[in-house]
């Protein structure tokens, strides 16, 4: 098992938070935003309301 995963993904499947959530469930450390931040950022309408 890796000590840490370097997140270098682009596009919906790499940026929507699903992979980050899976890593969290497995206890894997990773770089970048957490799953909730990633999911909100992919929903532009919600992101505009929050920021």
PDB file of N, CA and C in Angstrom:
ATOM      1  N   UNK A   1       0.851  -1.176   0.000  1.00  0.00           N
ATOM      2  CA  UNK A   1       0.000   0.000   0.000  1.00  0.00           C
ATOM      3  C   UNK A   1       0.897   1.239   0.000  1.00  0.00           C
ATOM      4  N   UNK A   2       0.477   2.240  -0.724  1.00  0.00           N
ATOM      5  CA  UNK A   2       1.241   3.490  -0.813  1.00  0.00           C
ATOM      6  C   UNK A   2       1.116   4.293   0.485  1.00  0.00           C
ATOM      7  N   UNK A   3       2.141   5.087   0.787  1.00  0.00           N
ATOM      8  CA  UNK A   3       2.086   5.975   1.947  1.00  0.00           C
ATOM      9  C   UNK A   3       1.124   7.126   1.705  1.00  0.00           C
ATOM     10  N   UNK A   4       1.102   7.620   0.464  1.00  0.00           N
ATOM     11  CA  UNK A   4       0.223   8.726   0.084  1.00  0.00           C
ATOM     12  C   UNK A   4      -0.030   8.647  -1.419  1.00  0.00           C
ATOM     13  N   UNK A   5      -1.217   9.052  -1.827  1.00  0.00           N
ATOM     14  CA  UNK A   5      -1.574   9.058  -3.245  1.00  0.00           C
ATOM     15  C   UNK A   5      -1.508  10.495  -3.742  1.00  0.00           C
ATOM     16  N   UNK A   6      -0.766  10.715  -4.816  1.00  0.00           N
ATOM     17  CA  UNK A   6      -0.680  12.033  -5.438  1.00  0.00           C
ATOM     18  C   UNK A   6      -1.798  12.138  -6.463  1.00  0.00           C
ATOM     19  N   UNK A   7      -2.786  12.976  -6.182  1.00  0.00           N
ATOM     20  CA  UNK A   7      -3.949  13.126  -7.054  1.00  0.00           C
ATOM     21  C   UNK A   7      -3.583  14.013  -8.244  1.00  0.00           C
ATOM     22  N   UNK A   8      -3.597  13.450  -9.422  1.00  0.00           N
ATOM     23  CA  UNK A   8      -3.298  14.186 -10.653  1.00  0.00           C
ATOM     24  C   UNK A   8      -4.322  13.786 -11.705  1.00  0.00           C
ATOM     25  N   UNK A   9      -5.588  13.996 -11.382  1.00  0.00           N
ATOM     26  CA  UNK A   9      -6.682  13.601 -12.264  1.00  0.00           C
ATOM     27  C   UNK A   9      -7.399  14.826 -12.795  1.00  0.00           C
ATOM     28  N   UNK A  10      -8.053  14.670 -13.933  1.00  0.00           N
ATOM     29  CA  UNK A  10      -8.810  15.767 -14.529  1.00  0.00           C
ATOM     30  C   UNK A  10     -10.113  15.212 -15.079  1.00  0.00           C
ATOM     31  N   UNK A  11     -11.146  16.003 -15.000  1.00  0.00           N
ATOM     32  CA  UNK A  11     -12.442  15.581 -15.523  1.00  0.00           C
ATOM     33  C   UNK A  11     -13.374  15.142 -14.408  1.00  0.00           C
ATOM     34  N   UNK A  12     -14.631  14.932 -14.773  1.00  0.00           N
ATOM     35  CA  UNK A  12     -15.659  14.634 -13.776  1.00  0.00           C
ATOM     36  C   UNK A  12     -15.306  13.436 -12.895  1.00  0.00           C
ATOM     37  N   UNK A  13     -14.883  12.342 -13.486  1.00  0.00           N
ATOM     38  CA  UNK A  13     -14.601  11.147 -12.688  1.00  0.00           C
ATOM     39  C   UNK A  13     -13.381  11.294 -11.793  1.00  0.00           C
ATOM     40  N   UNK A  14     -12.543  12.245 -12.070  1.00  0.00           N
ATOM     41  CA  UNK A  14     -11.369  12.451 -11.232  1.00  0.00           C
ATOM     42  C   UNK A  14     -11.507  13.600 -10.263  1.00  0.00           C
ATOM     43  N   UNK A  15     -12.536  14.420 -10.457  1.00  0.00           N
ATOM     44  CA  UNK A  15     -12.657  15.624  -9.644  1.00  0.00           C
ATOM     45  C   UNK A  15     -13.964  15.721  -8.865  1.00  0.00           C
ATOM     46  N   UNK A  16     -14.822  14.726  -8.947  1.00  0.00           N
ATOM     47  CA  UNK A  16     -16.145  14.844  -8.329  1.00  0.00           C
ATOM     48  C   UNK A  16     -16.191  14.394  -6.875  1.00  0.00           C
ATOM     49  N   UNK A  17     -15.099  13.941  -6.328  1.00  0.00           N
ATOM     50  CA  UNK A  17     -15.028  13.570  -4.920  1.00  0.00           C
ATOM     51  C   UNK A  17     -15.226  12.092  -4.643  1.00  0.00           C
ATOM     52  N   UNK A  18     -15.629  11.322  -5.631  1.00  0.00           N
ATOM     53  CA  UNK A  18     -15.882   9.893  -5.390  1.00  0.00           C
ATOM     54  C   UNK A  18     -14.603   9.143  -5.031  1.00  0.00           C
ATOM     55  N   UNK A  19     -13.536   9.442  -5.732  1.00  0.00           N
ATOM     56  CA  UNK A  19     -12.269   8.762  -5.441  1.00  0.00           C
ATOM     57  C   UNK A  19     -11.735   9.180  -4.070  1.00  0.00           C
ATOM     58  N   UNK A  20     -11.863  10.469  -3.751  1.00  0.00           N
ATOM     59  CA  UNK A  20     -11.431  10.945  -2.442  1.00  0.00           C
ATOM     60  C   UNK A  20     -12.235  10.272  -1.328  1.00  0.00           C
ATOM     61  N   UNK A  21     -13.546  10.114  -1.537  1.00  0.00           N
ATOM     62  CA  UNK A  21     -14.384   9.451  -0.533  1.00  0.00           C
ATOM     63  C   UNK A  21     -13.952   8.003  -0.339  1.00  0.00           C
ATOM     64  N   UNK A  22     -13.628   7.325  -1.427  1.00  0.00           N
ATOM     65  CA  UNK A  22     -13.162   5.937  -1.325  1.00  0.00           C
ATOM     66  C   UNK A  22     -11.850   5.868  -0.553  1.00  0.00           C
ATOM     67  N   UNK A  23     -10.939   6.790  -0.844  1.00  0.00           N
ATOM     68  CA  UNK A  23      -9.673   6.819  -0.111  1.00  0.00           C
ATOM     69  C   UNK A  23      -9.918   7.071   1.376  1.00  0.00           C
ATOM     70  N   UNK A  24     -10.851   7.980   1.692  1.00  0.00           N
ATOM     71  CA  UNK A  24     -11.169   8.247   3.096  1.00  0.00           C
ATOM     72  C   UNK A  24     -11.689   6.986   3.786  1.00  0.00           C
ATOM     73  N   UNK A  25     -12.574   6.264   3.120  1.00  0.00           N
ATOM     74  CA  UNK A  25     -13.119   5.031   3.703  1.00  0.00           C
ATOM     75  C   UNK A  25     -12.032   3.985   3.945  1.00  0.00           C
ATOM     76  N   UNK A  26     -11.045   3.965   3.055  1.00  0.00           N
ATOM     77  CA  UNK A  26      -9.958   2.993   3.168  1.00  0.00           C
ATOM     78  C   UNK A  26      -8.812   3.468   4.065  1.00  0.00           C
ATOM     79  N   UNK A  27      -8.876   4.734   4.497  1.00  0.00           N
ATOM     80  CA  UNK A  27      -7.819   5.280   5.334  1.00  0.00           C
ATOM     81  C   UNK A  27      -6.552   5.622   4.579  1.00  0.00           C
ATOM     82  N   UNK A  28      -6.680   5.897   3.280  1.00  0.00           N
ATOM     83  CA  UNK A  28      -5.532   6.227   2.437  1.00  0.00           C
ATOM     84  C   UNK A  28      -5.343   7.742   2.412  1.00  0.00           C
ATOM     85  N   UNK A  29      -4.135   8.209   2.674  1.00  0.00           N
ATOM     86  CA  UNK A  29      -3.830   9.638   2.595  1.00  0.00           C
ATOM     87  C   UNK A  29      -3.662  10.033   1.138  1.00  0.00           C
ATOM     88  N   UNK A  30      -4.096  11.260   0.803  1.00  0.00           N
ATOM     89  CA  UNK A  30      -3.985  11.742  -0.571  1.00  0.00           C
ATOM     90  C   UNK A  30      -3.792  13.243  -0.575  1.00  0.00           C
ATOM     91  N   UNK A  31      -3.287  13.760  -1.693  1.00  0.00           N
ATOM     92  CA  UNK A  31      -3.092  15.197  -1.850  1.00  0.00           C
ATOM     93  C   UNK A  31      -4.369  15.819  -2.396  1.00  0.00           C
ATOM     94  N   UNK A  32      -4.503  17.114  -2.227  1.00  0.00           N
ATOM     95  CA  UNK A  32      -5.639  17.825  -2.806  1.00  0.00           C
ATOM     96  C   UNK A  32      -6.801  17.980  -1.845  1.00  0.00           C
ATOM     97  N   UNK A  33      -7.930  18.383  -2.401  1.00  0.00           N
ATOM     98  CA  UNK A  33      -9.135  18.661  -1.621  1.00  0.00           C
ATOM     99  C   UNK A  33      -9.805  17.387  -1.138  1.00  0.00           C
ATOM    100  N   UNK A  34     -10.586  17.525  -0.052  1.00  0.00           N
ATOM    101  CA  UNK A  34     -11.345  16.379   0.432  1.00  0.00           C
ATOM    102  C   UNK A  34     -12.564  16.140  -0.460  1.00  0.00           C
ATOM    103  N   UNK A  35     -13.295  15.066  -0.189  1.00  0.00           N
ATOM    104  CA  UNK A  35     -14.394  14.682  -1.076  1.00  0.00           C
ATOM    105  C   UNK A  35     -15.509  15.719  -1.118  1.00  0.00           C
ATOM    106  N   UNK A  36     -15.847  16.335   0.014  1.00  0.00           N
ATOM    107  CA  UNK A  36     -16.946  17.299   0.024  1.00  0.00           C
ATOM    108  C   UNK A  36     -16.584  18.551  -0.771  1.00  0.00           C
ATOM    109  N   UNK A  37     -15.393  19.059  -0.593  1.00  0.00           N
ATOM    110  CA  UNK A  37     -14.949  20.234  -1.349  1.00  0.00           C
ATOM    111  C   UNK A  37     -14.938  19.956  -2.843  1.00  0.00           C
ATOM    112  N   UNK A  38     -14.484  18.782  -3.222  1.00  0.00           N
ATOM    113  CA  UNK A  38     -14.446  18.407  -4.640  1.00  0.00           C
ATOM    114  C   UNK A  38     -15.848  18.295  -5.219  1.00  0.00           C
ATOM    115  N   UNK A  39     -16.758  17.679  -4.477  1.00  0.00           N
ATOM    116  CA  UNK A  39     -18.132  17.518  -4.955  1.00  0.00           C
ATOM    117  C   UNK A  39     -18.816  18.867  -5.124  1.00  0.00           C
ATOM    118  N   UNK A  40     -18.620  19.767  -4.176  1.00  0.00           N
ATOM    119  CA  UNK A  40     -19.223  21.101  -4.270  1.00  0.00           C
ATOM    120  C   UNK A  40     -18.645  21.860  -5.455  1.00  0.00           C
ATOM    121  N   UNK A  41     -17.345  21.771  -5.664  1.00  0.00           N
ATOM    122  CA  UNK A  41     -16.709  22.482  -6.772  1.00  0.00           C
ATOM    123  C   UNK A  41     -17.220  21.992  -8.124  1.00  0.00           C
ATOM    124  N   UNK A  42     -17.590  20.721  -8.231  1.00  0.00           N
ATOM    125  CA  UNK A  42     -18.117  20.182  -9.492  1.00  0.00           C
ATOM    126  C   UNK A  42     -19.549  20.631  -9.751  1.00  0.00           C
ATOM    127  N   UNK A  43     -20.256  21.060  -8.701  1.00  0.00           N
ATOM    128  CA  UNK A  43     -21.620  21.563  -8.841  1.00  0.00           C
ATOM    129  C   UNK A  43     -21.537  23.089  -8.871  1.00  0.00           C
ATOM    130  N   UNK A  44     -21.417  23.652 -10.062  1.00  0.00           N
ATOM    131  CA  UNK A  44     -21.150  25.087 -10.198  1.00  0.00           C
ATOM    132  C   UNK A  44     -22.241  25.951  -9.572  1.00  0.00           C
ATOM    133  N   UNK A  45     -23.491  25.531  -9.676  1.00  0.00           N
ATOM    134  CA  UNK A  45     -24.584  26.293  -9.076  1.00  0.00           C
ATOM    135  C   UNK A  45     -24.450  26.372  -7.569  1.00  0.00           C
ATOM    136  N   UNK A  46     -24.156  25.251  -6.938  1.00  0.00           N
ATOM    137  CA  UNK A  46     -23.985  25.225  -5.488  1.00  0.00           C
ATOM    138  C   UNK A  46     -22.747  26.008  -5.079  1.00  0.00           C
ATOM    139  N   UNK A  47     -21.673  25.872  -5.834  1.00  0.00           N
ATOM    140  CA  UNK A  47     -20.444  26.589  -5.515  1.00  0.00           C
ATOM    141  C   UNK A  47     -20.668  28.098  -5.573  1.00  0.00           C
ATOM    142  N   UNK A  48     -21.423  28.564  -6.562  1.00  0.00           N
ATOM    143  CA  UNK A  48     -21.697  30.002  -6.670  1.00  0.00           C
ATOM    144  C   UNK A  48     -22.523  30.493  -5.491  1.00  0.00           C
ATOM    145  N   UNK A  49     -23.453  29.672  -4.998  1.00  0.00           N
ATOM    146  CA  UNK A  49     -24.258  30.063  -3.840  1.00  0.00           C
ATOM    147  C   UNK A  49     -23.410  30.145  -2.573  1.00  0.00           C
ATOM    148  N   UNK A  50     -22.462  29.232  -2.440  1.00  0.00           N
ATOM    149  CA  UNK A  50     -21.642  29.190  -1.233  1.00  0.00           C
ATOM    150  C   UNK A  50     -20.512  30.206  -1.243  1.00  0.00           C
ATOM    151  N   UNK A  51     -19.993  30.515  -2.443  1.00  0.00           N
ATOM    152  CA  UNK A  51     -18.851  31.418  -2.523  1.00  0.00           C
ATOM    153  C   UNK A  51     -19.233  32.649  -3.266  1.00  0.00           C
TER     154      UNK A  51
END
